């Protein structure tokens, strides 16, 4: 299988930012995802939103397998095991949920695919780890305690790998606060891939923004 579980987890941690994106037009999705990959974030989360989202994902997965095999396409907003299985059959290389769904963890484990469940408490995080989740998604990141919550968790549970979504912005101050607290990656959506850039079809601008974010994270890590 292209991009096994360990390779995917390594890619997510290395790039530091996971672009989170959905659009009903497969061609728009392809342009945005390729721009992210060129910018240094080749692991991208396609969110399961809107009617026929699975069909769009399937078309993208097939195309990238032919044209861009280095792209790691994952799926987010997964709330049940049947939907997870559907996307896994279409080539999803990682699965993300807004909450912890044990049945999704089980499906992903059977296929040796990384699962990052949304967690909003220490209990959620502990249960996710018991289910074999290497990285947990802190969601909604800013609302459940922000960077201070991350620091508090890592005190008694230093092995925890946290990836917040919601509250992390692609600027130096936000990256310093969150990565300084100890996160391993961050999901970023509309602040990274703006509505204006999509409407203008500014793929080069999206690539530049992603590259700058990846480089800012790398620079902070180097200083640390």
N, C-alpha and C. Protein backbone atom coordinates (compact mmCIF):
# COMPACT_ATOMS: atom_id res chain seq x y z
N UNK A 1 0.83 -1.20 0.00
CA UNK A 1 0.00 0.00 0.00
C UNK A 1 0.86 1.25 0.00
N UNK A 2 0.52 2.19 -0.85
CA UNK A 2 1.23 3.47 -0.82
C UNK A 2 0.99 4.16 0.52
N UNK A 3 2.03 4.73 1.07
CA UNK A 3 1.92 5.54 2.28
C UNK A 3 1.32 4.74 3.44
N UNK A 4 2.11 3.87 4.02
CA UNK A 4 1.62 3.11 5.15
C UNK A 4 1.47 4.01 6.38
N UNK A 5 0.94 3.42 7.44
CA UNK A 5 0.58 4.19 8.63
C UNK A 5 1.75 4.99 9.20
N UNK A 6 2.89 4.37 9.33
CA UNK A 6 4.04 5.06 9.90
C UNK A 6 4.53 6.18 9.01
N UNK A 7 4.51 5.95 7.70
CA UNK A 7 4.93 6.99 6.76
C UNK A 7 4.00 8.19 6.82
N UNK A 8 2.71 7.93 6.95
CA UNK A 8 1.72 9.02 7.03
C UNK A 8 1.91 9.82 8.30
N UNK A 9 2.05 9.15 9.43
CA UNK A 9 2.25 9.85 10.69
C UNK A 9 3.52 10.69 10.67
N UNK A 10 4.57 10.14 10.08
CA UNK A 10 5.83 10.88 9.97
C UNK A 10 5.67 12.12 9.10
N UNK A 11 4.95 11.97 7.99
CA UNK A 11 4.73 13.11 7.10
C UNK A 11 3.94 14.22 7.80
N UNK A 12 2.91 13.85 8.54
CA UNK A 12 2.10 14.84 9.25
C UNK A 12 2.94 15.60 10.27
N UNK A 13 3.74 14.87 11.04
CA UNK A 13 4.58 15.54 12.04
C UNK A 13 5.65 16.40 11.38
N UNK A 14 6.22 15.91 10.29
CA UNK A 14 7.30 16.65 9.63
C UNK A 14 6.80 17.96 9.05
N UNK A 15 5.68 17.94 8.33
CA UNK A 15 5.19 19.18 7.73
C UNK A 15 4.58 20.11 8.77
N UNK A 16 4.04 19.55 9.85
CA UNK A 16 3.57 20.38 10.96
C UNK A 16 2.19 20.98 10.79
N UNK A 17 1.76 21.18 9.57
CA UNK A 17 0.43 21.71 9.30
C UNK A 17 -0.29 20.76 8.36
N UNK A 18 -1.54 20.45 8.69
CA UNK A 18 -2.37 19.64 7.81
C UNK A 18 -3.46 20.54 7.22
N UNK A 19 -3.37 20.87 5.95
CA UNK A 19 -4.43 21.67 5.33
C UNK A 19 -5.75 20.90 5.37
N UNK A 20 -6.81 21.60 5.74
CA UNK A 20 -8.15 21.01 5.83
C UNK A 20 -9.03 21.70 4.79
N UNK A 21 -9.58 20.90 3.85
CA UNK A 21 -10.25 21.55 2.72
C UNK A 21 -11.37 20.70 2.16
N UNK A 22 -12.41 21.39 1.71
CA UNK A 22 -13.49 20.74 0.95
C UNK A 22 -14.05 21.71 -0.08
N UNK A 23 -14.37 21.19 -1.23
CA UNK A 23 -15.08 21.95 -2.27
C UNK A 23 -15.83 20.93 -3.11
N UNK A 24 -17.04 21.24 -3.54
CA UNK A 24 -17.80 20.26 -4.33
C UNK A 24 -17.24 20.00 -5.72
N UNK A 25 -16.40 20.91 -6.21
CA UNK A 25 -15.81 20.76 -7.55
C UNK A 25 -14.48 20.03 -7.44
N UNK A 26 -14.40 18.86 -8.06
CA UNK A 26 -13.19 18.05 -7.95
C UNK A 26 -11.97 18.76 -8.53
N UNK A 27 -12.16 19.54 -9.59
CA UNK A 27 -11.02 20.23 -10.20
C UNK A 27 -10.47 21.30 -9.27
N UNK A 28 -11.36 22.01 -8.59
CA UNK A 28 -10.90 23.00 -7.61
C UNK A 28 -10.13 22.30 -6.49
N UNK A 29 -10.68 21.19 -6.01
CA UNK A 29 -9.99 20.42 -4.97
C UNK A 29 -8.60 19.99 -5.43
N UNK A 30 -8.51 19.50 -6.65
CA UNK A 30 -7.23 19.02 -7.17
C UNK A 30 -6.21 20.15 -7.22
N UNK A 31 -6.63 21.32 -7.66
CA UNK A 31 -5.72 22.46 -7.75
C UNK A 31 -5.23 22.89 -6.37
N UNK A 32 -6.16 22.94 -5.41
CA UNK A 32 -5.80 23.35 -4.06
C UNK A 32 -4.87 22.32 -3.41
N UNK A 33 -5.19 21.06 -3.53
CA UNK A 33 -4.38 20.01 -2.89
C UNK A 33 -2.99 19.96 -3.51
N UNK A 34 -2.90 20.10 -4.81
CA UNK A 34 -1.59 20.13 -5.46
C UNK A 34 -0.79 21.35 -5.01
N UNK A 35 -1.45 22.49 -4.83
CA UNK A 35 -0.77 23.69 -4.35
C UNK A 35 -0.22 23.46 -2.95
N UNK A 36 -1.01 22.80 -2.10
CA UNK A 36 -0.55 22.49 -0.75
C UNK A 36 0.68 21.58 -0.79
N UNK A 37 0.63 20.57 -1.65
CA UNK A 37 1.76 19.64 -1.77
C UNK A 37 3.01 20.35 -2.26
N UNK A 38 2.86 21.22 -3.23
CA UNK A 38 4.02 21.98 -3.72
C UNK A 38 4.58 22.89 -2.63
N UNK A 39 3.70 23.34 -1.74
CA UNK A 39 4.13 24.21 -0.65
C UNK A 39 4.76 23.47 0.51
N UNK A 40 4.79 22.15 0.45
CA UNK A 40 5.46 21.37 1.48
C UNK A 40 4.54 20.59 2.40
N UNK A 41 3.22 20.64 2.13
CA UNK A 41 2.26 19.88 2.94
C UNK A 41 1.57 18.87 2.03
N UNK A 42 2.20 17.71 1.89
CA UNK A 42 1.66 16.73 0.96
C UNK A 42 0.60 15.83 1.59
N UNK A 43 0.43 15.89 2.92
CA UNK A 43 -0.67 15.21 3.59
C UNK A 43 -1.78 16.23 3.80
N UNK A 44 -2.91 16.00 3.16
CA UNK A 44 -4.02 16.96 3.16
C UNK A 44 -5.30 16.25 3.60
N UNK A 45 -6.09 16.92 4.42
CA UNK A 45 -7.37 16.36 4.89
C UNK A 45 -8.52 16.91 4.04
N UNK A 46 -9.18 16.02 3.33
CA UNK A 46 -10.40 16.34 2.58
C UNK A 46 -11.57 16.10 3.52
N UNK A 47 -12.36 17.13 3.79
CA UNK A 47 -13.43 16.96 4.77
C UNK A 47 -14.69 16.38 4.12
N UNK A 48 -15.31 15.46 4.82
CA UNK A 48 -16.51 14.78 4.33
C UNK A 48 -17.74 15.66 4.56
N UNK A 49 -17.90 16.65 3.71
CA UNK A 49 -19.01 17.59 3.84
C UNK A 49 -19.71 17.72 2.49
N UNK A 50 -21.00 17.92 2.56
CA UNK A 50 -21.73 18.12 1.32
C UNK A 50 -22.16 16.82 0.67
N UNK A 51 -23.18 16.91 -0.14
CA UNK A 51 -23.68 15.74 -0.85
C UNK A 51 -22.63 15.22 -1.84
N UNK A 52 -22.52 13.92 -1.94
CA UNK A 52 -21.64 13.24 -2.88
C UNK A 52 -20.16 13.54 -2.66
N UNK A 53 -19.82 13.91 -1.42
CA UNK A 53 -18.40 14.19 -1.11
C UNK A 53 -17.54 12.98 -1.38
N UNK A 54 -18.06 11.79 -1.08
CA UNK A 54 -17.29 10.57 -1.30
C UNK A 54 -16.94 10.40 -2.77
N UNK A 55 -17.85 10.75 -3.68
CA UNK A 55 -17.57 10.61 -5.10
C UNK A 55 -16.44 11.57 -5.52
N UNK A 56 -16.46 12.77 -4.97
CA UNK A 56 -15.39 13.72 -5.26
C UNK A 56 -14.06 13.19 -4.76
N UNK A 57 -14.05 12.67 -3.53
CA UNK A 57 -12.83 12.10 -2.96
C UNK A 57 -12.31 10.95 -3.82
N UNK A 58 -13.18 10.08 -4.23
CA UNK A 58 -12.78 8.93 -5.03
C UNK A 58 -12.12 9.36 -6.33
N UNK A 59 -12.71 10.36 -6.98
CA UNK A 59 -12.14 10.87 -8.23
C UNK A 59 -10.74 11.44 -7.99
N UNK A 60 -10.59 12.18 -6.88
CA UNK A 60 -9.29 12.76 -6.55
C UNK A 60 -8.27 11.67 -6.24
N UNK A 61 -8.68 10.69 -5.47
CA UNK A 61 -7.77 9.61 -5.09
C UNK A 61 -7.25 8.86 -6.31
N UNK A 62 -8.15 8.58 -7.23
CA UNK A 62 -7.74 7.88 -8.45
C UNK A 62 -6.79 8.74 -9.28
N UNK A 63 -7.10 10.03 -9.39
CA UNK A 63 -6.25 10.91 -10.19
C UNK A 63 -4.86 11.06 -9.59
N UNK A 64 -4.80 11.29 -8.27
CA UNK A 64 -3.49 11.48 -7.64
C UNK A 64 -2.66 10.20 -7.68
N UNK A 65 -3.31 9.05 -7.64
CA UNK A 65 -2.56 7.79 -7.74
C UNK A 65 -1.81 7.71 -9.07
N UNK A 66 -2.39 8.32 -10.09
CA UNK A 66 -1.76 8.33 -11.41
C UNK A 66 -0.75 9.46 -11.58
N UNK A 67 -1.13 10.66 -11.11
CA UNK A 67 -0.36 11.85 -11.45
C UNK A 67 0.51 12.39 -10.33
N UNK A 68 0.10 12.18 -9.08
CA UNK A 68 0.81 12.77 -7.93
C UNK A 68 0.90 11.75 -6.80
N UNK A 69 1.65 10.68 -6.98
CA UNK A 69 1.67 9.61 -5.98
C UNK A 69 2.25 10.02 -4.63
N UNK A 70 2.94 11.15 -4.57
CA UNK A 70 3.48 11.60 -3.29
C UNK A 70 2.43 12.24 -2.40
N UNK A 71 1.30 12.64 -2.97
CA UNK A 71 0.23 13.26 -2.17
C UNK A 71 -0.40 12.22 -1.27
N UNK A 72 -0.59 12.58 -0.01
CA UNK A 72 -1.22 11.71 0.98
C UNK A 72 -2.60 12.28 1.28
N UNK A 73 -3.62 11.64 0.78
CA UNK A 73 -4.98 12.16 0.89
C UNK A 73 -5.70 11.46 2.03
N UNK A 74 -6.09 12.26 3.03
CA UNK A 74 -6.86 11.75 4.14
C UNK A 74 -8.26 12.32 4.12
N UNK A 75 -9.09 11.85 5.04
CA UNK A 75 -10.48 12.31 5.09
C UNK A 75 -10.83 12.72 6.51
N UNK A 76 -11.60 13.81 6.62
CA UNK A 76 -12.02 14.30 7.92
C UNK A 76 -13.53 14.35 8.06
N UNK A 77 -13.99 14.72 9.24
CA UNK A 77 -15.42 14.81 9.56
C UNK A 77 -16.11 13.45 9.47
N UNK A 78 -15.41 12.40 9.88
CA UNK A 78 -15.96 11.04 9.84
C UNK A 78 -16.56 10.71 11.21
N UNK A 79 -17.84 10.31 11.20
CA UNK A 79 -18.57 10.10 12.44
C UNK A 79 -19.04 8.66 12.66
N UNK A 80 -18.82 7.78 11.69
CA UNK A 80 -19.28 6.41 11.86
C UNK A 80 -18.38 5.47 11.06
N UNK A 81 -18.39 4.20 11.47
CA UNK A 81 -17.52 3.20 10.86
C UNK A 81 -17.84 2.93 9.39
N UNK A 82 -19.12 2.83 9.00
CA UNK A 82 -19.41 2.57 7.58
C UNK A 82 -18.85 3.65 6.65
N UNK A 83 -18.95 4.90 7.07
CA UNK A 83 -18.41 5.98 6.25
C UNK A 83 -16.89 5.90 6.20
N UNK A 84 -16.27 5.59 7.32
CA UNK A 84 -14.82 5.41 7.33
C UNK A 84 -14.41 4.31 6.36
N UNK A 85 -15.12 3.17 6.40
CA UNK A 85 -14.80 2.05 5.52
C UNK A 85 -14.94 2.44 4.05
N UNK A 86 -15.95 3.25 3.76
CA UNK A 86 -16.17 3.70 2.38
C UNK A 86 -14.96 4.48 1.87
N UNK A 87 -14.48 5.40 2.69
CA UNK A 87 -13.32 6.21 2.29
C UNK A 87 -12.03 5.38 2.27
N UNK A 88 -11.90 4.46 3.19
CA UNK A 88 -10.71 3.60 3.17
C UNK A 88 -10.66 2.78 1.88
N UNK A 89 -11.81 2.32 1.44
CA UNK A 89 -11.87 1.56 0.18
C UNK A 89 -11.53 2.42 -1.02
N UNK A 90 -11.65 3.75 -0.85
CA UNK A 90 -11.32 4.66 -1.94
C UNK A 90 -9.93 5.28 -1.79
N UNK A 91 -9.15 4.73 -0.85
CA UNK A 91 -7.75 5.14 -0.78
C UNK A 91 -7.39 6.15 0.28
N UNK A 92 -8.27 6.43 1.24
CA UNK A 92 -7.91 7.37 2.31
C UNK A 92 -6.73 6.82 3.10
N UNK A 93 -5.74 7.65 3.33
CA UNK A 93 -4.53 7.21 4.02
C UNK A 93 -4.48 7.64 5.48
N UNK A 94 -5.42 8.48 5.90
CA UNK A 94 -5.62 8.75 7.32
C UNK A 94 -7.05 9.25 7.48
N UNK A 95 -7.58 9.09 8.69
CA UNK A 95 -8.97 9.43 8.97
C UNK A 95 -9.02 10.33 10.20
N UNK A 96 -9.84 11.37 10.14
CA UNK A 96 -9.97 12.34 11.22
C UNK A 96 -11.44 12.49 11.57
N UNK A 97 -11.73 12.61 12.87
CA UNK A 97 -13.10 12.82 13.33
C UNK A 97 -13.17 14.05 14.22
N UNK A 98 -14.34 14.68 14.34
CA UNK A 98 -14.49 15.79 15.29
C UNK A 98 -14.65 15.29 16.73
N UNK A 99 -14.89 13.97 16.89
CA UNK A 99 -15.05 13.39 18.22
C UNK A 99 -14.44 11.98 18.19
N UNK A 100 -14.38 11.36 19.35
CA UNK A 100 -13.81 10.02 19.45
C UNK A 100 -14.90 8.98 19.15
N UNK A 101 -14.67 8.18 18.10
CA UNK A 101 -15.62 7.13 17.71
C UNK A 101 -14.87 5.80 17.74
N UNK A 102 -15.03 5.00 18.79
CA UNK A 102 -14.28 3.75 18.91
C UNK A 102 -14.42 2.82 17.70
N UNK A 103 -15.62 2.77 17.11
CA UNK A 103 -15.83 1.89 15.96
C UNK A 103 -14.99 2.32 14.76
N UNK A 104 -14.77 3.61 14.61
CA UNK A 104 -13.92 4.10 13.53
C UNK A 104 -12.48 3.69 13.79
N UNK A 105 -12.05 3.80 15.04
CA UNK A 105 -10.69 3.37 15.39
C UNK A 105 -10.48 1.90 15.05
N UNK A 106 -11.47 1.08 15.32
CA UNK A 106 -11.36 -0.35 15.04
C UNK A 106 -11.24 -0.63 13.54
N UNK A 107 -12.06 0.06 12.75
CA UNK A 107 -12.00 -0.11 11.29
C UNK A 107 -10.63 0.31 10.76
N UNK A 108 -10.15 1.44 11.25
CA UNK A 108 -8.84 1.94 10.78
C UNK A 108 -7.72 1.00 11.21
N UNK A 109 -7.79 0.48 12.42
CA UNK A 109 -6.76 -0.43 12.90
C UNK A 109 -6.70 -1.71 12.07
N UNK A 110 -7.86 -2.19 11.66
CA UNK A 110 -7.87 -3.40 10.83
C UNK A 110 -7.14 -3.19 9.51
N UNK A 111 -7.17 -1.95 9.02
CA UNK A 111 -6.50 -1.63 7.76
C UNK A 111 -5.14 -0.97 7.98
N UNK A 112 -4.74 -0.84 9.24
CA UNK A 112 -3.46 -0.20 9.59
C UNK A 112 -3.37 1.21 9.02
N UNK A 113 -4.45 1.96 9.20
CA UNK A 113 -4.53 3.34 8.75
C UNK A 113 -4.62 4.24 9.98
N UNK A 114 -3.90 5.35 9.97
CA UNK A 114 -3.88 6.26 11.11
C UNK A 114 -5.25 6.91 11.32
N UNK A 115 -5.66 7.00 12.59
CA UNK A 115 -6.93 7.63 12.95
C UNK A 115 -6.66 8.69 14.00
N UNK A 116 -7.08 9.93 13.72
CA UNK A 116 -6.92 11.04 14.67
C UNK A 116 -8.31 11.50 15.10
N UNK A 117 -8.76 11.05 16.27
CA UNK A 117 -10.09 11.43 16.74
C UNK A 117 -10.09 12.78 17.44
N UNK A 118 -11.22 13.47 17.37
CA UNK A 118 -11.34 14.73 18.08
C UNK A 118 -11.50 14.48 19.57
N UNK A 119 -10.69 15.16 20.36
CA UNK A 119 -10.72 14.98 21.82
C UNK A 119 -10.82 16.36 22.48
N UNK A 120 -11.64 16.43 23.53
CA UNK A 120 -11.79 17.69 24.23
C UNK A 120 -11.53 17.59 25.72
N UNK A 121 -11.02 16.43 26.15
CA UNK A 121 -10.73 16.22 27.57
C UNK A 121 -9.61 15.21 27.72
N UNK A 122 -9.05 15.16 28.92
CA UNK A 122 -8.00 14.18 29.20
C UNK A 122 -8.56 12.76 29.08
N UNK A 123 -9.79 12.58 29.49
CA UNK A 123 -10.41 11.26 29.38
C UNK A 123 -10.52 10.84 27.91
N UNK A 124 -10.96 11.77 27.05
CA UNK A 124 -11.02 11.46 25.61
C UNK A 124 -9.66 11.02 25.09
N UNK A 125 -8.64 11.78 25.46
CA UNK A 125 -7.29 11.49 24.98
C UNK A 125 -6.82 10.12 25.45
N UNK A 126 -7.04 9.81 26.71
CA UNK A 126 -6.63 8.52 27.26
C UNK A 126 -7.36 7.37 26.57
N UNK A 127 -8.65 7.54 26.33
CA UNK A 127 -9.41 6.49 25.65
C UNK A 127 -8.95 6.32 24.20
N UNK A 128 -8.62 7.44 23.54
CA UNK A 128 -8.10 7.36 22.17
C UNK A 128 -6.78 6.60 22.13
N UNK A 129 -5.92 6.86 23.09
CA UNK A 129 -4.64 6.16 23.14
C UNK A 129 -4.83 4.68 23.41
N UNK A 130 -5.81 4.34 24.24
CA UNK A 130 -6.11 2.94 24.51
C UNK A 130 -6.57 2.22 23.23
N UNK A 131 -7.19 2.97 22.32
CA UNK A 131 -7.65 2.42 21.05
C UNK A 131 -6.56 2.41 19.98
N UNK A 132 -5.36 2.88 20.34
CA UNK A 132 -4.24 2.82 19.41
C UNK A 132 -4.02 4.05 18.56
N UNK A 133 -4.59 5.18 18.96
CA UNK A 133 -4.43 6.42 18.18
C UNK A 133 -3.13 7.11 18.56
N UNK A 134 -2.22 7.23 17.60
CA UNK A 134 -0.91 7.84 17.87
C UNK A 134 -1.00 9.35 18.03
N UNK A 135 -1.83 9.98 17.20
CA UNK A 135 -2.03 11.43 17.25
C UNK A 135 -3.50 11.69 17.54
N UNK A 136 -3.78 12.57 18.50
CA UNK A 136 -5.16 12.95 18.78
C UNK A 136 -5.39 14.38 18.30
N UNK A 137 -6.59 14.59 17.81
CA UNK A 137 -6.98 15.92 17.34
C UNK A 137 -7.65 16.66 18.49
N UNK A 138 -7.07 17.77 18.93
CA UNK A 138 -7.70 18.60 19.94
C UNK A 138 -8.74 19.47 19.24
N UNK A 139 -10.02 19.27 19.60
CA UNK A 139 -11.08 19.99 18.87
C UNK A 139 -12.25 20.29 19.79
N UNK A 140 -12.79 21.52 19.62
CA UNK A 140 -12.20 22.66 18.89
C UNK A 140 -11.08 23.28 19.71
N UNK A 141 -9.93 23.38 19.10
CA UNK A 141 -8.69 23.67 19.81
C UNK A 141 -8.73 24.85 20.76
N UNK A 142 -9.19 25.99 20.28
CA UNK A 142 -9.19 27.18 21.12
C UNK A 142 -10.26 27.12 22.20
N UNK A 143 -11.35 26.42 21.93
CA UNK A 143 -12.49 26.42 22.84
C UNK A 143 -12.33 25.49 24.03
N UNK A 144 -11.47 24.48 23.90
CA UNK A 144 -11.33 23.51 24.99
C UNK A 144 -10.12 23.79 25.87
N UNK A 145 -9.53 24.95 25.68
CA UNK A 145 -8.42 25.32 26.56
C UNK A 145 -7.18 25.83 25.88
N UNK A 146 -7.11 25.68 24.56
CA UNK A 146 -6.00 26.24 23.81
C UNK A 146 -4.65 25.67 24.18
N UNK A 147 -3.61 26.49 23.99
CA UNK A 147 -2.25 26.03 24.22
C UNK A 147 -2.00 25.68 25.69
N UNK A 148 -2.69 26.34 26.60
CA UNK A 148 -2.51 26.04 28.01
C UNK A 148 -3.02 24.64 28.35
N UNK A 149 -4.09 24.22 27.67
CA UNK A 149 -4.60 22.87 27.87
C UNK A 149 -3.57 21.84 27.41
N UNK A 150 -2.92 22.13 26.28
CA UNK A 150 -1.88 21.23 25.77
C UNK A 150 -0.76 21.06 26.80
N UNK A 151 -0.30 22.17 27.34
CA UNK A 151 0.76 22.11 28.36
C UNK A 151 0.33 21.29 29.56
N UNK A 152 -0.92 21.50 29.99
CA UNK A 152 -1.42 20.79 31.16
C UNK A 152 -1.48 19.28 30.92
N UNK A 153 -1.88 18.87 29.72
CA UNK A 153 -1.98 17.45 29.40
C UNK A 153 -0.60 16.81 29.35
N UNK A 154 0.35 17.51 28.74
CA UNK A 154 1.68 16.94 28.56
C UNK A 154 2.47 16.80 29.86
N UNK A 155 2.01 17.47 30.90
CA UNK A 155 2.67 17.30 32.20
C UNK A 155 2.61 15.86 32.66
N UNK A 156 1.41 15.32 32.91
CA UNK A 156 1.31 13.93 33.36
C UNK A 156 1.33 12.91 32.23
N UNK A 157 1.14 13.36 30.98
CA UNK A 157 1.08 12.43 29.84
C UNK A 157 2.01 12.90 28.72
N UNK A 158 3.32 12.90 29.00
CA UNK A 158 4.27 13.49 28.05
C UNK A 158 4.40 12.74 26.73
N UNK A 159 3.87 11.53 26.65
CA UNK A 159 3.92 10.75 25.42
C UNK A 159 2.84 11.15 24.42
N UNK A 160 1.96 12.03 24.82
CA UNK A 160 0.79 12.40 24.01
C UNK A 160 1.18 13.29 22.83
N UNK A 161 0.66 12.95 21.67
CA UNK A 161 0.89 13.75 20.47
C UNK A 161 -0.42 14.41 20.08
N UNK A 162 -0.42 15.73 20.11
CA UNK A 162 -1.66 16.50 19.94
C UNK A 162 -1.60 17.33 18.67
N UNK A 163 -2.70 17.29 17.92
CA UNK A 163 -2.86 18.07 16.69
C UNK A 163 -4.16 18.87 16.79
N UNK A 164 -4.10 20.13 17.22
CA UNK A 164 -5.33 20.91 17.33
C UNK A 164 -5.85 21.36 15.97
N UNK A 165 -7.16 21.46 15.88
CA UNK A 165 -7.80 22.12 14.75
C UNK A 165 -8.81 23.10 15.33
N UNK A 166 -8.77 24.32 14.84
CA UNK A 166 -9.63 25.36 15.38
C UNK A 166 -8.86 26.20 16.39
N UNK A 167 -8.37 27.34 15.95
CA UNK A 167 -7.64 28.22 16.86
C UNK A 167 -6.19 28.43 16.51
N UNK A 168 -5.63 27.58 15.66
CA UNK A 168 -4.23 27.75 15.24
C UNK A 168 -4.23 28.49 13.91
N UNK A 169 -3.52 29.59 13.86
CA UNK A 169 -3.48 30.41 12.65
C UNK A 169 -2.10 30.35 12.02
N UNK A 170 -2.04 30.60 10.70
CA UNK A 170 -0.76 30.51 9.99
C UNK A 170 0.10 31.76 10.13
N UNK A 171 0.36 32.16 11.37
CA UNK A 171 1.24 33.30 11.60
C UNK A 171 2.23 32.95 12.71
N UNK A 172 3.29 33.69 12.78
CA UNK A 172 4.40 33.34 13.68
C UNK A 172 3.98 33.31 15.14
N UNK A 173 3.15 34.26 15.57
CA UNK A 173 2.76 34.32 16.98
C UNK A 173 1.93 33.10 17.38
N UNK A 174 0.96 32.74 16.55
CA UNK A 174 0.12 31.58 16.86
C UNK A 174 0.92 30.29 16.83
N UNK A 175 1.79 30.16 15.85
CA UNK A 175 2.63 28.97 15.75
C UNK A 175 3.55 28.87 16.96
N UNK A 176 4.11 29.98 17.39
CA UNK A 176 4.99 29.98 18.56
C UNK A 176 4.24 29.53 19.82
N UNK A 177 3.02 30.04 20.00
CA UNK A 177 2.24 29.69 21.19
C UNK A 177 1.90 28.21 21.21
N UNK A 178 1.39 27.70 20.12
CA UNK A 178 0.90 26.32 20.09
C UNK A 178 2.04 25.31 20.05
N UNK A 179 3.00 25.53 19.17
CA UNK A 179 4.11 24.58 19.09
C UNK A 179 5.01 24.70 20.32
N UNK A 180 5.07 25.88 20.88
CA UNK A 180 5.80 26.04 22.14
C UNK A 180 5.15 25.27 23.27
N UNK A 181 3.83 25.09 23.19
CA UNK A 181 3.11 24.32 24.20
C UNK A 181 3.34 22.83 24.04
N UNK A 182 3.76 22.40 22.82
CA UNK A 182 4.11 21.00 22.64
C UNK A 182 3.31 20.23 21.61
N UNK A 183 2.51 20.91 20.77
CA UNK A 183 1.78 20.16 19.74
C UNK A 183 2.76 19.62 18.69
N UNK A 184 2.33 18.58 17.98
CA UNK A 184 3.19 18.00 16.95
C UNK A 184 2.77 18.44 15.54
N UNK A 185 1.54 18.93 15.41
CA UNK A 185 1.02 19.41 14.13
C UNK A 185 -0.26 20.17 14.40
N UNK A 186 -0.76 20.85 13.37
CA UNK A 186 -2.01 21.59 13.51
C UNK A 186 -2.82 21.48 12.23
N UNK A 187 -4.11 21.28 12.37
CA UNK A 187 -5.00 21.34 11.22
C UNK A 187 -5.41 22.78 10.98
N UNK A 188 -5.33 23.23 9.76
CA UNK A 188 -5.71 24.61 9.42
C UNK A 188 -6.60 24.60 8.19
N UNK A 189 -7.70 25.33 8.27
CA UNK A 189 -8.65 25.37 7.17
C UNK A 189 -8.70 26.71 6.48
N UNK A 190 -9.75 27.48 6.76
CA UNK A 190 -10.02 28.70 6.00
C UNK A 190 -9.01 29.82 6.22
N UNK A 191 -8.27 29.75 7.32
CA UNK A 191 -7.24 30.78 7.54
C UNK A 191 -6.01 30.50 6.67
N UNK A 192 -5.82 29.24 6.31
CA UNK A 192 -4.69 28.86 5.47
C UNK A 192 -5.07 28.89 3.99
N UNK A 193 -6.24 28.35 3.69
CA UNK A 193 -6.75 28.31 2.32
C UNK A 193 -7.97 29.22 2.29
N UNK A 194 -7.78 30.46 1.95
CA UNK A 194 -8.84 31.45 2.11
C UNK A 194 -9.89 31.37 0.99
N UNK A 195 -11.08 31.80 1.32
CA UNK A 195 -12.16 31.84 0.35
C UNK A 195 -11.80 32.74 -0.83
N UNK A 196 -11.14 33.86 -0.52
CA UNK A 196 -10.74 34.79 -1.57
C UNK A 196 -9.77 34.15 -2.55
N UNK A 197 -8.82 33.38 -2.05
CA UNK A 197 -7.84 32.72 -2.92
C UNK A 197 -8.52 31.69 -3.81
N UNK A 198 -9.48 30.97 -3.25
CA UNK A 198 -10.20 29.97 -4.04
C UNK A 198 -11.02 30.63 -5.13
N UNK A 199 -11.74 31.69 -4.77
CA UNK A 199 -12.58 32.38 -5.76
C UNK A 199 -11.74 32.99 -6.88
N UNK A 200 -10.54 33.44 -6.52
CA UNK A 200 -9.64 34.04 -7.52
C UNK A 200 -8.83 32.99 -8.27
N UNK A 201 -8.97 31.73 -7.87
CA UNK A 201 -8.17 30.63 -8.43
C UNK A 201 -6.68 30.94 -8.32
N UNK A 202 -6.32 31.50 -7.16
CA UNK A 202 -4.94 31.89 -6.90
C UNK A 202 -4.19 30.70 -6.31
N UNK A 203 -3.93 29.71 -7.13
CA UNK A 203 -3.26 28.50 -6.65
C UNK A 203 -1.84 28.80 -6.20
N UNK A 204 -1.18 29.72 -6.90
CA UNK A 204 0.18 30.10 -6.51
C UNK A 204 0.18 30.78 -5.15
N UNK A 205 -0.86 31.56 -4.87
CA UNK A 205 -0.95 32.22 -3.58
C UNK A 205 -1.17 31.22 -2.45
N UNK A 206 -1.98 30.20 -2.70
CA UNK A 206 -2.20 29.15 -1.70
C UNK A 206 -0.90 28.40 -1.46
N UNK A 207 -0.20 28.08 -2.53
CA UNK A 207 1.10 27.40 -2.40
C UNK A 207 2.06 28.22 -1.55
N UNK A 208 2.11 29.53 -1.81
CA UNK A 208 3.02 30.40 -1.07
C UNK A 208 2.65 30.47 0.42
N UNK A 209 1.36 30.53 0.71
CA UNK A 209 0.91 30.59 2.10
C UNK A 209 1.24 29.31 2.85
N UNK A 210 1.02 28.18 2.19
CA UNK A 210 1.34 26.90 2.81
C UNK A 210 2.85 26.79 3.03
N UNK A 211 3.64 27.16 2.03
CA UNK A 211 5.09 27.09 2.17
C UNK A 211 5.58 27.95 3.32
N UNK A 212 5.04 29.15 3.43
CA UNK A 212 5.44 30.04 4.51
C UNK A 212 5.10 29.45 5.87
N UNK A 213 3.95 28.83 5.97
CA UNK A 213 3.53 28.21 7.23
C UNK A 213 4.43 27.04 7.60
N UNK A 214 4.71 26.18 6.63
CA UNK A 214 5.60 25.04 6.87
C UNK A 214 6.98 25.53 7.30
N UNK A 215 7.47 26.54 6.63
CA UNK A 215 8.79 27.07 6.95
C UNK A 215 8.83 27.75 8.32
N UNK A 216 7.74 28.43 8.67
CA UNK A 216 7.68 29.08 9.99
C UNK A 216 7.70 28.04 11.10
N UNK A 217 6.99 26.94 10.90
CA UNK A 217 6.99 25.86 11.89
C UNK A 217 8.39 25.24 12.00
N UNK A 218 9.01 24.99 10.84
CA UNK A 218 10.36 24.41 10.84
C UNK A 218 11.36 25.32 11.53
N UNK A 219 11.24 26.63 11.29
CA UNK A 219 12.16 27.59 11.91
C UNK A 219 11.98 27.62 13.43
N UNK A 220 10.73 27.56 13.88
CA UNK A 220 10.49 27.55 15.32
C UNK A 220 11.08 26.29 15.96
N UNK A 221 10.88 25.16 15.31
CA UNK A 221 11.41 23.90 15.84
C UNK A 221 12.94 23.94 15.91
N UNK A 222 13.55 24.54 14.93
CA UNK A 222 15.02 24.62 14.90
C UNK A 222 15.54 25.45 16.05
N UNK A 223 14.84 26.54 16.37
CA UNK A 223 15.24 27.39 17.49
C UNK A 223 15.11 26.64 18.81
N UNK A 224 14.06 25.78 18.87
CA UNK A 224 13.81 25.06 20.12
C UNK A 224 14.86 24.00 20.38
